[in-house]
C-alpha atoms as a PDB file:
ATOM      1  CA  MET A   1      -8.689  -9.625   3.067  1.00  0.00           C
ATOM      2  CA  LYS A   2      -8.019  -6.113   4.328  1.00  0.00           C
ATOM      3  CA  LYS A   3      -7.013  -2.724   3.036  1.00  0.00           C
ATOM      4  CA  LEU A   4      -3.357  -1.683   3.250  1.00  0.00           C
ATOM      5  CA  ASN A   5      -4.169   1.206   5.616  1.00  0.00           C
ATOM      6  CA  ALA A   6      -5.482  -1.348   8.185  1.00  0.00           C
ATOM      7  CA  VAL A   7      -2.315  -3.505   8.211  1.00  0.00           C
ATOM      8  CA  PRO A   8      -0.252  -3.075  11.423  1.00  0.00           C
ATOM      9  CA  CYS A   9       3.466  -2.178  11.386  1.00  0.00           C
ATOM     10  CA  GLY A  10       5.921  -4.998  10.839  1.00  0.00           C
ATOM     11  CA  GLN A  11       3.650  -7.150   8.686  1.00  0.00           C
ATOM     12  CA  THR A  12       4.211  -8.287   5.126  1.00  0.00           C
ATOM     13  CA  VAL A  13       1.147  -8.656   2.916  1.00  0.00           C
ATOM     14  CA  ARG A  14       0.448  -9.522  -0.726  1.00  0.00           C
ATOM     15  CA  VAL A  15      -1.601  -7.249  -2.988  1.00  0.00           C
ATOM     16  CA  THR A  16      -4.790  -8.885  -4.291  1.00  0.00           C
ATOM     17  CA  LYS A  17      -6.524  -5.930  -5.946  1.00  0.00           C
ATOM     18  CA  ILE A  18      -6.182  -2.215  -6.580  1.00  0.00           C
ATOM     19  CA  THR A  19      -9.451  -0.326  -6.561  1.00  0.00           C
ATOM     20  CA  GLY A  20      -9.724   3.257  -7.759  1.00  0.00           C
ATOM     21  CA  GLU A  21     -10.005   4.807 -11.165  1.00  0.00           C
ATOM     22  CA  GLY A  22      -7.883   6.357 -13.875  1.00  0.00           C
ATOM     23  CA  ALA A  23      -4.921   8.512 -12.916  1.00  0.00           C
ATOM     24  CA  VAL A  24      -4.873   7.506  -9.241  1.00  0.00           C
ATOM     25  CA  LYS A  25      -4.776   3.786 -10.046  1.00  0.00           C
ATOM     26  CA  ARG A  26      -2.120   4.389 -12.730  1.00  0.00           C
ATOM     27  CA  ARG A  27       0.043   6.340 -10.237  1.00  0.00           C
ATOM     28  CA  ILE A  28      -0.155   3.526  -7.668  1.00  0.00           C
ATOM     29  CA  MET A  29       0.806   0.970 -10.326  1.00  0.00           C
ATOM     30  CA  ASP A  30       3.659   3.210 -11.565  1.00  0.00           C
ATOM     31  CA  MET A  31       5.106   3.100  -8.032  1.00  0.00           C
ATOM     32  CA  GLY A  32       5.492  -0.677  -8.430  1.00  0.00           C
ATOM     33  CA  ILE A  33       2.396  -1.713  -6.498  1.00  0.00           C
ATOM     34  CA  THR A  34       0.728  -4.324  -8.686  1.00  0.00           C
ATOM     35  CA  LYS A  35      -1.338  -7.445  -8.078  1.00  0.00           C
ATOM     36  CA  GLY A  36       0.720 -10.208  -6.438  1.00  0.00           C
ATOM     37  CA  VAL A  37       3.564  -8.004  -5.158  1.00  0.00           C
ATOM     38  CA  GLU A  38       4.571  -8.201  -1.485  1.00  0.00           C
ATOM     39  CA  ILE A  39       4.458  -5.066   0.652  1.00  0.00           C
ATOM     40  CA  TYR A  40       6.155  -4.729   4.041  1.00  0.00           C
ATOM     41  CA  VAL A  41       4.558  -2.104   6.295  1.00  0.00           C
ATOM     42  CA  ARG A  42       7.449  -0.261   7.990  1.00  0.00           C
ATOM     43  CA  LYS A  43       5.806   2.622   9.836  1.00  0.00           C
ATOM     44  CA  VAL A  44       2.445   4.268  10.242  1.00  0.00           C
ATOM     45  CA  ALA A  45       2.375   7.922  11.304  1.00  0.00           C
ATOM     46  CA  PRO A  46       0.516   8.702  14.553  1.00  0.00           C
ATOM     47  CA  LEU A  47      -2.602   9.918  12.739  1.00  0.00           C
ATOM     48  CA  GLY A  48      -2.341   7.164  10.116  1.00  0.00           C
ATOM     49  CA  ASP A  49      -1.091   9.432   7.341  1.00  0.00           C
ATOM     50  CA  PRO A  50       1.302   8.654   5.657  1.00  0.00           C
ATOM     51  CA  VAL A  51       2.029   4.911   5.698  1.00  0.00           C
ATOM     52  CA  GLU A  52       5.662   3.940   5.045  1.00  0.00           C
ATOM     53  CA  VAL A  53       6.106   0.684   3.139  1.00  0.00           C
ATOM     54  CA  THR A  54       8.821  -1.295   1.379  1.00  0.00           C
ATOM     55  CA  VAL A  55       7.922  -2.520  -2.125  1.00  0.00           C
ATOM     56  CA  ARG A  56      10.282  -4.328  -4.511  1.00  0.00           C
ATOM     57  CA  GLY A  57      13.289  -3.354  -2.382  1.00  0.00           C
ATOM     58  CA  TYR A  58      12.632   0.372  -2.084  1.00  0.00           C
ATOM     59  CA  GLU A  59      10.894   2.542   0.480  1.00  0.00           C
ATOM     60  CA  LEU A  60       7.704   4.394  -0.301  1.00  0.00           C
ATOM     61  CA  SER A  61       5.338   6.696   1.569  1.00  0.00           C
ATOM     62  CA  LEU A  62       1.661   6.403   0.716  1.00  0.00           C
ATOM     63  CA  ARG A  63      -1.176   8.702   1.647  1.00  0.00           C
ATOM     64  CA  LYS A  64      -3.904   7.109   3.723  1.00  0.00           C
ATOM     65  CA  ALA A  65      -6.412   7.624   0.876  1.00  0.00           C
ATOM     66  CA  ASP A  66      -4.110   5.776  -1.561  1.00  0.00           C
ATOM     67  CA  ALA A  67      -3.464   2.947   0.924  1.00  0.00           C
ATOM     68  CA  GLU A  68      -7.237   2.439   1.235  1.00  0.00           C
ATOM     69  CA  MET A  69      -7.396   1.566  -2.469  1.00  0.00           C
ATOM     70  CA  ILE A  70      -4.998  -1.381  -2.066  1.00  0.00           C
ATOM     71  CA  GLU A  71      -6.579  -4.680  -0.971  1.00  0.00           C
ATOM     72  CA  THR A  72      -4.241  -7.257   0.567  1.00  0.00           C
ATOM     73  CA  GLU A  73      -4.139 -10.733   2.064  1.00  0.00           C
END
């Protein structure tokens, strides 16, 4: 189990848990990132922020702090 911000480019992972509280967690879930969904990591910026992923067929950029709240397997 690792956080989404630690997943290397080109890998597909499945979400196991979203940590975080309130509005931040709600925003992540509103973007379509929920437990059990698959996420493909497309690109990671040179300094690790942002992380570009594909979720449910669309592309999304996540801040490093938000990616840390998503646990994957």
